[in-house]
Amino acid sequence: MAAGVLGAVVTAFFACGEPLSGDDVAASDGGSILPDGASASPDAAAGADAGADAGDANVPCVDGGVVADGHCYFRGPSGVQQSEAQAACADAGAHLATITSNGEEFVVKGIENDKSWIGLVSDSGSNAADYHWITGEPVVYQDWGLDEPSGEACVVQEAYGWNSKPCTDTEYGSVCERP
């Protein structure tokens, strides 16, 4: 991802007044995923180091992946249906990303800031309460786009929020998460 885009995400994130909750993030090589001069910490202006949680160093992750809060996040396939993206994640010992906080969403967007499948699905209905994470985790955080969900069974994360889409669409990327 271009540093300017991630920098804009960091700027927008702090403009909301909510610093990155939970652990800071690190690339699988131990470096930061943030652009030079940016930090996931509100103390960045004071020169504070925004390194990863000490426990994150022990989480195995793929090249190009990001370790945060004890999970490995990495780019999955693009141009495939949601079920194919989920199968590819499963083949790698992972699942489509489940987003349970704004900090986790920040990490996922840092990997695939364009449109990407996430692990939120609905068996029926168009109300937000009809959607569930494929892992069975409770839906405690939501970031629906304007006029969403619109009743489609699968969900795509976009720069401006989540949108329900037909599961058979093939124009999106994906982000996998491995505990």
N, C-alpha and C. Protein backbone atom coordinates (compact mmCIF):
# COMPACT_ATOMS: atom_id res chain seq x y z
N MET A 1 0.84 -1.16 0.00
CA MET A 1 0.00 0.00 0.00
C MET A 1 0.88 1.23 0.00
N ALA A 2 0.48 2.25 -0.69
CA ALA A 2 1.25 3.48 -0.75
C ALA A 2 1.26 4.15 0.62
N ALA A 3 2.40 4.69 0.99
CA ALA A 3 2.53 5.32 2.30
C ALA A 3 1.53 6.45 2.46
N GLY A 4 1.24 7.20 1.40
CA GLY A 4 0.29 8.29 1.50
C GLY A 4 -1.10 7.83 1.86
N VAL A 5 -1.51 6.70 1.33
CA VAL A 5 -2.84 6.17 1.65
C VAL A 5 -2.90 5.75 3.10
N LEU A 6 -1.90 5.01 3.57
CA LEU A 6 -1.89 4.59 4.96
C LEU A 6 -1.78 5.79 5.87
N GLY A 7 -0.97 6.77 5.48
CA GLY A 7 -0.88 7.99 6.28
C GLY A 7 -2.23 8.67 6.40
N ALA A 8 -3.00 8.68 5.31
CA ALA A 8 -4.34 9.27 5.34
C ALA A 8 -5.25 8.48 6.27
N VAL A 9 -5.09 7.15 6.27
CA VAL A 9 -5.89 6.33 7.18
C VAL A 9 -5.52 6.65 8.62
N VAL A 10 -4.22 6.77 8.91
CA VAL A 10 -3.78 7.10 10.26
C VAL A 10 -4.33 8.46 10.65
N THR A 11 -4.23 9.45 9.76
CA THR A 11 -4.73 10.78 10.05
C THR A 11 -6.23 10.76 10.30
N ALA A 12 -6.97 10.07 9.44
CA ALA A 12 -8.42 9.99 9.61
C ALA A 12 -8.76 9.27 10.89
N PHE A 13 -8.00 8.26 11.22
CA PHE A 13 -8.24 7.46 12.41
C PHE A 13 -8.13 8.34 13.65
N PHE A 14 -7.07 9.15 13.74
CA PHE A 14 -6.91 9.99 14.91
C PHE A 14 -7.83 11.19 14.87
N ALA A 15 -8.28 11.61 13.69
CA ALA A 15 -9.22 12.71 13.61
C ALA A 15 -10.52 12.35 14.31
N CYS A 16 -10.83 11.08 14.36
CA CYS A 16 -12.04 10.61 15.05
C CYS A 16 -11.84 10.61 16.55
N GLY A 17 -10.63 10.86 17.03
CA GLY A 17 -10.37 10.91 18.45
C GLY A 17 -10.22 9.56 19.10
N GLU A 18 -10.01 8.51 18.31
CA GLU A 18 -9.89 7.17 18.87
C GLU A 18 -8.54 6.58 18.49
N PRO A 19 -7.56 6.65 19.39
CA PRO A 19 -6.26 6.05 19.06
C PRO A 19 -6.40 4.56 18.89
N LEU A 20 -5.46 3.97 18.19
CA LEU A 20 -5.46 2.54 17.93
C LEU A 20 -5.58 1.80 19.24
N SER A 21 -6.66 1.05 19.39
CA SER A 21 -6.87 0.32 20.63
C SER A 21 -6.16 -1.02 20.57
N GLY A 22 -5.86 -1.56 21.72
CA GLY A 22 -5.19 -2.85 21.77
C GLY A 22 -3.72 -2.68 21.44
N ASP A 23 -3.16 -3.66 20.81
CA ASP A 23 -1.74 -3.66 20.53
C ASP A 23 -1.42 -2.87 19.27
N ASP A 24 -0.23 -2.30 19.22
CA ASP A 24 0.24 -1.66 18.00
C ASP A 24 0.50 -2.76 16.99
N VAL A 25 0.82 -2.39 15.78
CA VAL A 25 0.97 -3.37 14.72
C VAL A 25 2.39 -3.43 14.21
N ALA A 26 2.78 -4.59 13.69
CA ALA A 26 4.13 -4.78 13.15
C ALA A 26 4.06 -5.65 11.92
N ALA A 27 4.96 -5.42 10.98
CA ALA A 27 5.06 -6.28 9.81
C ALA A 27 5.71 -7.59 10.25
N SER A 28 5.55 -8.63 9.44
CA SER A 28 6.09 -9.94 9.80
C SER A 28 7.60 -9.94 9.94
N ASP A 29 8.27 -8.94 9.36
CA ASP A 29 9.72 -8.87 9.51
C ASP A 29 10.13 -8.10 10.76
N GLY A 30 9.13 -7.73 11.59
CA GLY A 30 9.41 -7.03 12.84
C GLY A 30 9.36 -5.52 12.72
N GLY A 31 9.32 -4.98 11.49
CA GLY A 31 9.24 -3.55 11.29
C GLY A 31 7.81 -3.06 11.39
N SER A 32 7.64 -1.78 11.34
CA SER A 32 6.32 -1.19 11.41
C SER A 32 5.66 -1.22 10.03
N ILE A 33 4.33 -1.32 10.00
CA ILE A 33 3.62 -1.22 8.72
C ILE A 33 3.27 0.23 8.42
N LEU A 34 3.55 1.11 9.36
CA LEU A 34 3.21 2.51 9.17
C LEU A 34 4.30 3.22 8.37
N PRO A 35 3.92 4.24 7.60
CA PRO A 35 4.92 4.98 6.82
C PRO A 35 5.86 5.74 7.74
N ASP A 36 7.04 6.11 7.21
CA ASP A 36 8.00 6.88 7.98
C ASP A 36 7.34 8.12 8.55
N GLY A 37 7.59 8.37 9.81
CA GLY A 37 7.04 9.55 10.46
C GLY A 37 5.65 9.36 11.02
N ALA A 38 4.98 8.27 10.70
CA ALA A 38 3.65 8.03 11.23
C ALA A 38 3.74 7.05 12.39
N SER A 39 2.75 7.09 13.24
CA SER A 39 2.72 6.18 14.37
C SER A 39 1.29 5.81 14.69
N ALA A 40 1.09 4.65 15.25
CA ALA A 40 -0.23 4.24 15.69
C ALA A 40 -0.47 4.72 17.11
N SER A 41 0.40 5.54 17.63
CA SER A 41 0.29 6.02 18.99
C SER A 41 -0.02 7.51 19.00
N PRO A 42 -0.91 7.95 19.89
CA PRO A 42 -1.17 9.39 19.97
C PRO A 42 0.05 10.15 20.48
N ASP A 43 1.05 9.46 21.01
CA ASP A 43 2.25 10.10 21.49
C ASP A 43 3.30 10.26 20.39
N ALA A 44 2.93 10.02 19.15
CA ALA A 44 3.90 10.03 18.05
C ALA A 44 4.62 11.37 17.95
N ALA A 45 3.91 12.45 18.17
CA ALA A 45 4.54 13.76 18.06
C ALA A 45 5.64 13.93 19.10
N ALA A 46 5.54 13.21 20.21
CA ALA A 46 6.54 13.29 21.26
C ALA A 46 7.70 12.33 21.01
N GLY A 47 7.64 11.57 19.89
CA GLY A 47 8.72 10.69 19.53
C GLY A 47 8.62 9.32 20.17
N ALA A 48 7.48 8.95 20.70
CA ALA A 48 7.31 7.64 21.33
C ALA A 48 7.40 6.55 20.28
N ASP A 49 7.91 5.40 20.66
CA ASP A 49 8.03 4.26 19.76
C ASP A 49 6.73 3.48 19.76
N ALA A 50 6.19 3.19 18.57
CA ALA A 50 4.93 2.45 18.46
C ALA A 50 5.21 1.04 18.00
N GLY A 51 6.02 0.30 18.74
CA GLY A 51 6.37 -1.07 18.37
C GLY A 51 5.25 -2.03 18.65
N ALA A 52 5.39 -3.27 18.21
CA ALA A 52 4.39 -4.30 18.43
C ALA A 52 4.45 -4.78 19.87
N ASP A 53 3.37 -5.40 20.31
CA ASP A 53 3.32 -6.04 21.61
C ASP A 53 4.39 -7.12 21.65
N ALA A 54 5.04 -7.29 22.78
CA ALA A 54 6.12 -8.27 22.88
C ALA A 54 5.64 -9.67 22.51
N GLY A 55 4.40 -10.02 22.80
CA GLY A 55 3.87 -11.34 22.47
C GLY A 55 3.69 -11.55 20.98
N ASP A 56 3.56 -10.48 20.20
CA ASP A 56 3.35 -10.60 18.76
C ASP A 56 4.58 -11.15 18.05
N ALA A 57 5.76 -10.98 18.63
CA ALA A 57 6.99 -11.44 17.98
C ALA A 57 7.02 -12.96 17.84
N ASN A 58 6.23 -13.66 18.64
CA ASN A 58 6.23 -15.12 18.60
C ASN A 58 5.17 -15.71 17.69
N VAL A 59 4.34 -14.87 17.07
CA VAL A 59 3.27 -15.34 16.19
C VAL A 59 3.85 -15.57 14.79
N PRO A 60 3.76 -16.81 14.27
CA PRO A 60 4.27 -17.04 12.92
C PRO A 60 3.36 -16.35 11.89
N CYS A 61 3.97 -15.74 10.90
CA CYS A 61 3.18 -15.03 9.89
C CYS A 61 3.86 -15.21 8.54
N VAL A 62 3.11 -15.06 7.49
CA VAL A 62 3.62 -15.21 6.13
C VAL A 62 4.36 -13.95 5.72
N ASP A 63 5.23 -14.06 4.72
CA ASP A 63 5.92 -12.89 4.19
C ASP A 63 4.88 -11.87 3.74
N GLY A 64 5.08 -10.63 4.13
CA GLY A 64 4.14 -9.58 3.76
C GLY A 64 2.96 -9.49 4.69
N GLY A 65 2.85 -10.41 5.64
CA GLY A 65 1.75 -10.40 6.60
C GLY A 65 2.03 -9.43 7.73
N VAL A 66 1.01 -9.15 8.49
CA VAL A 66 1.10 -8.24 9.62
C VAL A 66 0.62 -8.98 10.86
N VAL A 67 1.39 -8.90 11.93
CA VAL A 67 1.00 -9.50 13.20
C VAL A 67 0.45 -8.40 14.09
N ALA A 68 -0.75 -8.63 14.61
CA ALA A 68 -1.37 -7.68 15.54
C ALA A 68 -2.27 -8.45 16.49
N ASP A 69 -2.15 -8.12 17.75
CA ASP A 69 -2.99 -8.72 18.80
C ASP A 69 -2.97 -10.24 18.75
N GLY A 70 -1.80 -10.81 18.43
CA GLY A 70 -1.64 -12.25 18.43
C GLY A 70 -2.19 -12.97 17.22
N HIS A 71 -2.56 -12.23 16.17
CA HIS A 71 -3.06 -12.84 14.94
C HIS A 71 -2.19 -12.40 13.77
N CYS A 72 -2.15 -13.24 12.73
CA CYS A 72 -1.44 -12.91 11.50
C CYS A 72 -2.48 -12.54 10.44
N TYR A 73 -2.33 -11.39 9.82
CA TYR A 73 -3.22 -10.93 8.76
C TYR A 73 -2.42 -10.86 7.47
N PHE A 74 -2.97 -11.38 6.40
CA PHE A 74 -2.26 -11.33 5.13
C PHE A 74 -3.24 -11.27 3.97
N ARG A 75 -2.73 -10.78 2.84
CA ARG A 75 -3.54 -10.63 1.63
C ARG A 75 -3.90 -12.00 1.09
N GLY A 76 -5.19 -12.19 0.82
CA GLY A 76 -5.67 -13.42 0.18
C GLY A 76 -5.80 -13.19 -1.31
N PRO A 77 -6.47 -14.11 -1.99
CA PRO A 77 -6.60 -13.98 -3.44
C PRO A 77 -7.53 -12.84 -3.85
N SER A 78 -7.33 -12.36 -5.07
CA SER A 78 -8.20 -11.33 -5.65
C SER A 78 -8.91 -11.91 -6.85
N GLY A 79 -10.04 -11.31 -7.20
CA GLY A 79 -10.77 -11.72 -8.40
C GLY A 79 -11.46 -13.06 -8.27
N VAL A 80 -11.82 -13.43 -7.04
CA VAL A 80 -12.51 -14.70 -6.82
C VAL A 80 -13.78 -14.46 -6.01
N GLN A 81 -14.69 -15.42 -6.07
CA GLN A 81 -15.91 -15.35 -5.27
C GLN A 81 -15.56 -15.46 -3.79
N GLN A 82 -16.50 -15.07 -2.94
CA GLN A 82 -16.25 -15.10 -1.50
C GLN A 82 -15.91 -16.50 -1.02
N SER A 83 -16.60 -17.52 -1.51
CA SER A 83 -16.34 -18.89 -1.06
C SER A 83 -14.94 -19.36 -1.48
N GLU A 84 -14.47 -18.90 -2.64
CA GLU A 84 -13.13 -19.25 -3.09
C GLU A 84 -12.07 -18.53 -2.25
N ALA A 85 -12.35 -17.29 -1.87
CA ALA A 85 -11.43 -16.56 -1.00
C ALA A 85 -11.35 -17.25 0.36
N GLN A 86 -12.50 -17.65 0.89
CA GLN A 86 -12.51 -18.34 2.18
C GLN A 86 -11.77 -19.66 2.09
N ALA A 87 -11.94 -20.41 1.00
CA ALA A 87 -11.25 -21.69 0.83
C ALA A 87 -9.74 -21.49 0.76
N ALA A 88 -9.29 -20.43 0.08
CA ALA A 88 -7.86 -20.16 -0.01
C ALA A 88 -7.30 -19.80 1.36
N CYS A 89 -8.04 -19.02 2.13
CA CYS A 89 -7.61 -18.71 3.49
C CYS A 89 -7.51 -19.99 4.32
N ALA A 90 -8.53 -20.85 4.21
CA ALA A 90 -8.54 -22.11 4.97
C ALA A 90 -7.35 -22.98 4.59
N ASP A 91 -6.99 -23.00 3.31
CA ASP A 91 -5.83 -23.77 2.86
C ASP A 91 -4.54 -23.28 3.52
N ALA A 92 -4.53 -22.02 3.93
CA ALA A 92 -3.36 -21.43 4.60
C ALA A 92 -3.51 -21.47 6.12
N GLY A 93 -4.51 -22.22 6.61
CA GLY A 93 -4.72 -22.32 8.05
C GLY A 93 -5.35 -21.08 8.65
N ALA A 94 -6.12 -20.36 7.85
CA ALA A 94 -6.70 -19.09 8.28
C ALA A 94 -8.18 -19.04 7.90
N HIS A 95 -8.77 -17.88 8.04
CA HIS A 95 -10.15 -17.61 7.61
C HIS A 95 -10.20 -16.18 7.12
N LEU A 96 -11.26 -15.82 6.41
CA LEU A 96 -11.42 -14.42 6.03
C LEU A 96 -11.43 -13.59 7.31
N ALA A 97 -10.85 -12.41 7.25
CA ALA A 97 -10.70 -11.57 8.43
C ALA A 97 -12.04 -11.28 9.08
N THR A 98 -12.04 -11.37 10.40
CA THR A 98 -13.18 -10.97 11.21
C THR A 98 -12.75 -9.72 11.97
N ILE A 99 -13.58 -8.70 11.96
CA ILE A 99 -13.19 -7.40 12.49
C ILE A 99 -14.03 -7.10 13.72
N THR A 100 -13.37 -7.08 14.87
CA THR A 100 -14.09 -6.91 16.13
C THR A 100 -13.77 -5.60 16.84
N SER A 101 -12.99 -4.73 16.18
CA SER A 101 -12.69 -3.43 16.78
C SER A 101 -12.20 -2.48 15.68
N ASN A 102 -12.19 -1.18 16.00
CA ASN A 102 -11.68 -0.24 15.00
C ASN A 102 -10.18 -0.42 14.82
N GLY A 103 -9.47 -0.86 15.84
CA GLY A 103 -8.04 -1.15 15.69
C GLY A 103 -7.79 -2.29 14.74
N GLU A 104 -8.62 -3.34 14.83
CA GLU A 104 -8.47 -4.48 13.92
C GLU A 104 -8.83 -4.08 12.49
N GLU A 105 -9.84 -3.23 12.35
CA GLU A 105 -10.20 -2.76 11.01
C GLU A 105 -9.05 -1.95 10.41
N PHE A 106 -8.39 -1.17 11.21
CA PHE A 106 -7.23 -0.39 10.76
C PHE A 106 -6.16 -1.32 10.20
N VAL A 107 -5.91 -2.43 10.88
CA VAL A 107 -4.91 -3.39 10.43
C VAL A 107 -5.33 -4.00 9.10
N VAL A 108 -6.59 -4.44 9.01
CA VAL A 108 -7.09 -5.09 7.79
C VAL A 108 -7.05 -4.12 6.61
N LYS A 109 -7.45 -2.89 6.83
CA LYS A 109 -7.39 -1.90 5.75
C LYS A 109 -5.96 -1.60 5.34
N GLY A 110 -5.02 -1.75 6.27
CA GLY A 110 -3.62 -1.53 5.94
C GLY A 110 -3.07 -2.60 5.00
N ILE A 111 -3.72 -3.75 4.99
CA ILE A 111 -3.28 -4.84 4.11
C ILE A 111 -3.95 -4.74 2.75
N GLU A 112 -5.22 -4.44 2.73
CA GLU A 112 -5.99 -4.36 1.47
C GLU A 112 -6.97 -3.21 1.62
N ASN A 113 -6.55 -2.01 1.24
CA ASN A 113 -7.38 -0.82 1.43
C ASN A 113 -8.47 -0.69 0.37
N ASP A 114 -8.35 -1.45 -0.70
CA ASP A 114 -9.39 -1.41 -1.71
C ASP A 114 -10.51 -2.34 -1.25
N LYS A 115 -11.40 -2.68 -2.09
CA LYS A 115 -12.52 -3.56 -1.75
C LYS A 115 -12.01 -4.98 -1.49
N SER A 116 -12.37 -5.53 -0.32
CA SER A 116 -11.93 -6.89 0.00
C SER A 116 -13.00 -7.64 0.78
N TRP A 117 -13.10 -8.95 0.47
CA TRP A 117 -14.01 -9.81 1.22
C TRP A 117 -13.54 -9.89 2.67
N ILE A 118 -14.50 -9.84 3.60
CA ILE A 118 -14.24 -10.13 5.00
C ILE A 118 -15.18 -11.26 5.40
N GLY A 119 -15.00 -11.80 6.58
CA GLY A 119 -15.74 -12.99 7.00
C GLY A 119 -17.09 -12.74 7.63
N LEU A 120 -17.80 -11.72 7.19
CA LEU A 120 -19.14 -11.42 7.69
C LEU A 120 -20.16 -11.86 6.66
N VAL A 121 -21.13 -12.65 7.07
CA VAL A 121 -22.12 -13.20 6.15
C VAL A 121 -23.51 -13.17 6.77
N SER A 122 -24.52 -13.31 5.93
CA SER A 122 -25.91 -13.39 6.39
C SER A 122 -26.58 -14.57 5.73
N ASP A 123 -27.34 -15.30 6.50
CA ASP A 123 -28.10 -16.41 5.95
C ASP A 123 -29.42 -15.92 5.38
N SER A 124 -29.90 -14.78 5.87
CA SER A 124 -31.15 -14.19 5.37
C SER A 124 -31.30 -12.79 5.94
N GLY A 125 -32.03 -11.99 5.24
CA GLY A 125 -32.35 -10.67 5.76
C GLY A 125 -31.38 -9.58 5.36
N SER A 126 -31.82 -8.34 5.63
CA SER A 126 -30.99 -7.20 5.27
C SER A 126 -30.73 -6.31 6.47
N ASN A 127 -31.05 -6.77 7.67
CA ASN A 127 -30.75 -6.00 8.87
C ASN A 127 -29.36 -6.36 9.36
N ALA A 128 -28.67 -5.41 9.94
CA ALA A 128 -27.32 -5.66 10.44
C ALA A 128 -27.32 -6.83 11.43
N ALA A 129 -28.40 -7.00 12.18
CA ALA A 129 -28.48 -8.09 13.17
C ALA A 129 -28.52 -9.46 12.51
N ASP A 130 -28.80 -9.54 11.21
CA ASP A 130 -28.86 -10.83 10.51
C ASP A 130 -27.48 -11.34 10.10
N TYR A 131 -26.43 -10.55 10.29
CA TYR A 131 -25.08 -10.92 9.86
C TYR A 131 -24.29 -11.52 11.02
N HIS A 132 -23.41 -12.45 10.69
CA HIS A 132 -22.56 -13.10 11.70
C HIS A 132 -21.18 -13.39 11.11
N TRP A 133 -20.21 -13.50 12.00
CA TRP A 133 -18.85 -13.84 11.57
C TRP A 133 -18.76 -15.32 11.30
N ILE A 134 -18.03 -15.70 10.27
CA ILE A 134 -17.91 -17.11 9.89
C ILE A 134 -17.23 -17.95 10.96
N THR A 135 -16.55 -17.31 11.89
CA THR A 135 -15.87 -18.01 12.98
C THR A 135 -16.78 -18.25 14.18
N GLY A 136 -17.95 -17.62 14.17
CA GLY A 136 -18.84 -17.72 15.32
C GLY A 136 -18.60 -16.64 16.36
N GLU A 137 -17.58 -15.79 16.14
CA GLU A 137 -17.33 -14.69 17.07
C GLU A 137 -18.55 -13.77 17.10
N PRO A 138 -18.83 -13.15 18.24
CA PRO A 138 -19.95 -12.20 18.28
C PRO A 138 -19.64 -10.95 17.45
N VAL A 139 -20.66 -10.38 16.87
CA VAL A 139 -20.51 -9.13 16.11
C VAL A 139 -20.62 -7.99 17.11
N VAL A 140 -19.47 -7.53 17.59
CA VAL A 140 -19.44 -6.48 18.61
C VAL A 140 -19.02 -5.14 18.02
N TYR A 141 -18.60 -5.14 16.77
CA TYR A 141 -18.16 -3.93 16.09
C TYR A 141 -18.72 -3.98 14.68
N GLN A 142 -19.21 -2.84 14.18
CA GLN A 142 -19.74 -2.76 12.82
C GLN A 142 -19.32 -1.45 12.19
N ASP A 143 -19.13 -1.47 10.87
CA ASP A 143 -18.75 -0.26 10.14
C ASP A 143 -19.48 -0.23 8.80
N TRP A 144 -20.80 -0.31 8.83
CA TRP A 144 -21.59 -0.35 7.60
C TRP A 144 -21.50 0.97 6.85
N GLY A 145 -21.43 0.90 5.53
CA GLY A 145 -21.49 2.08 4.68
C GLY A 145 -22.91 2.63 4.66
N LEU A 146 -23.08 3.76 4.02
CA LEU A 146 -24.38 4.42 3.90
C LEU A 146 -25.38 3.49 3.22
N ASP A 147 -26.57 3.36 3.79
CA ASP A 147 -27.66 2.53 3.26
C ASP A 147 -27.29 1.05 3.21
N GLU A 148 -26.43 0.60 4.09
CA GLU A 148 -26.03 -0.80 4.17
C GLU A 148 -26.42 -1.37 5.53
N PRO A 149 -26.61 -2.65 5.63
CA PRO A 149 -26.51 -3.64 4.56
C PRO A 149 -27.72 -3.57 3.63
N SER A 150 -27.52 -4.02 2.40
CA SER A 150 -28.57 -3.95 1.40
C SER A 150 -29.21 -5.31 1.11
N GLY A 151 -28.88 -6.31 1.91
CA GLY A 151 -29.55 -7.60 1.79
C GLY A 151 -28.78 -8.70 1.09
N GLU A 152 -27.60 -8.40 0.57
CA GLU A 152 -26.79 -9.45 -0.04
C GLU A 152 -26.12 -10.27 1.06
N ALA A 153 -25.77 -11.50 0.77
CA ALA A 153 -25.32 -12.43 1.80
C ALA A 153 -23.87 -12.26 2.25
N CYS A 154 -23.01 -11.66 1.44
CA CYS A 154 -21.59 -11.54 1.80
C CYS A 154 -21.23 -10.06 1.96
N VAL A 155 -20.08 -9.81 2.60
CA VAL A 155 -19.71 -8.43 2.92
C VAL A 155 -18.30 -8.13 2.42
N VAL A 156 -18.18 -6.93 1.85
CA VAL A 156 -16.91 -6.40 1.36
C VAL A 156 -16.56 -5.18 2.20
N GLN A 157 -15.31 -5.12 2.64
CA GLN A 157 -14.82 -3.93 3.32
C GLN A 157 -14.31 -2.98 2.25
N GLU A 158 -14.78 -1.75 2.30
CA GLU A 158 -14.31 -0.73 1.38
C GLU A 158 -13.73 0.41 2.21
N ALA A 159 -13.08 1.34 1.58
CA ALA A 159 -12.43 2.44 2.29
C ALA A 159 -13.42 3.22 3.16
N TYR A 160 -14.68 3.30 2.76
CA TYR A 160 -15.66 4.10 3.48
C TYR A 160 -16.67 3.27 4.27
N GLY A 161 -16.47 1.98 4.41
CA GLY A 161 -17.37 1.17 5.22
C GLY A 161 -17.64 -0.19 4.60
N TRP A 162 -18.46 -0.98 5.28
CA TRP A 162 -18.79 -2.32 4.81
C TRP A 162 -20.02 -2.29 3.93
N ASN A 163 -20.01 -3.10 2.89
CA ASN A 163 -21.14 -3.19 1.98
C ASN A 163 -21.47 -4.64 1.71
N SER A 164 -22.76 -4.96 1.75
CA SER A 164 -23.16 -6.33 1.42
C SER A 164 -23.17 -6.47 -0.10
N LYS A 165 -22.65 -7.61 -0.57
CA LYS A 165 -22.50 -7.87 -2.00
C LYS A 165 -22.90 -9.31 -2.28
N PRO A 166 -23.26 -9.62 -3.54
CA PRO A 166 -23.51 -11.02 -3.89
C PRO A 166 -22.23 -11.83 -3.70
N CYS A 167 -22.34 -12.98 -3.10
CA CYS A 167 -21.17 -13.83 -2.82
C CYS A 167 -20.47 -14.31 -4.09
N THR A 168 -21.16 -14.23 -5.23
CA THR A 168 -20.60 -14.71 -6.49
C THR A 168 -19.81 -13.64 -7.24
N ASP A 169 -19.81 -12.39 -6.74
CA ASP A 169 -19.01 -11.34 -7.38
C ASP A 169 -17.53 -11.73 -7.36
N THR A 170 -16.81 -11.32 -8.37
CA THR A 170 -15.39 -11.68 -8.46
C THR A 170 -14.48 -10.46 -8.65
N GLU A 171 -14.91 -9.31 -8.20
CA GLU A 171 -14.10 -8.11 -8.43
C GLU A 171 -13.37 -7.61 -7.19
N TYR A 172 -13.26 -8.44 -6.16
CA TYR A 172 -12.69 -7.97 -4.89
C TYR A 172 -11.45 -8.76 -4.51
N GLY A 173 -10.66 -8.14 -3.66
CA GLY A 173 -9.54 -8.82 -3.02
C GLY A 173 -10.05 -9.49 -1.75
N SER A 174 -9.13 -9.95 -0.91
CA SER A 174 -9.51 -10.56 0.36
C SER A 174 -8.37 -10.44 1.34
N VAL A 175 -8.72 -10.50 2.62
CA VAL A 175 -7.73 -10.49 3.69
C VAL A 175 -8.00 -11.70 4.57
N CYS A 176 -6.94 -12.49 4.80
CA CYS A 176 -7.03 -13.68 5.64
C CYS A 176 -6.49 -13.36 7.03
N GLU A 177 -7.00 -14.07 8.02
CA GLU A 177 -6.56 -13.91 9.41
C GLU A 177 -6.28 -15.28 9.98
N ARG A 178 -5.10 -15.42 10.56
CA ARG A 178 -4.74 -16.70 11.20
C ARG A 178 -4.47 -16.41 12.68
N PRO A 179 -5.22 -17.11 13.55
CA PRO A 179 -5.00 -16.92 15.00
C PRO A 179 -3.62 -17.43 15.41
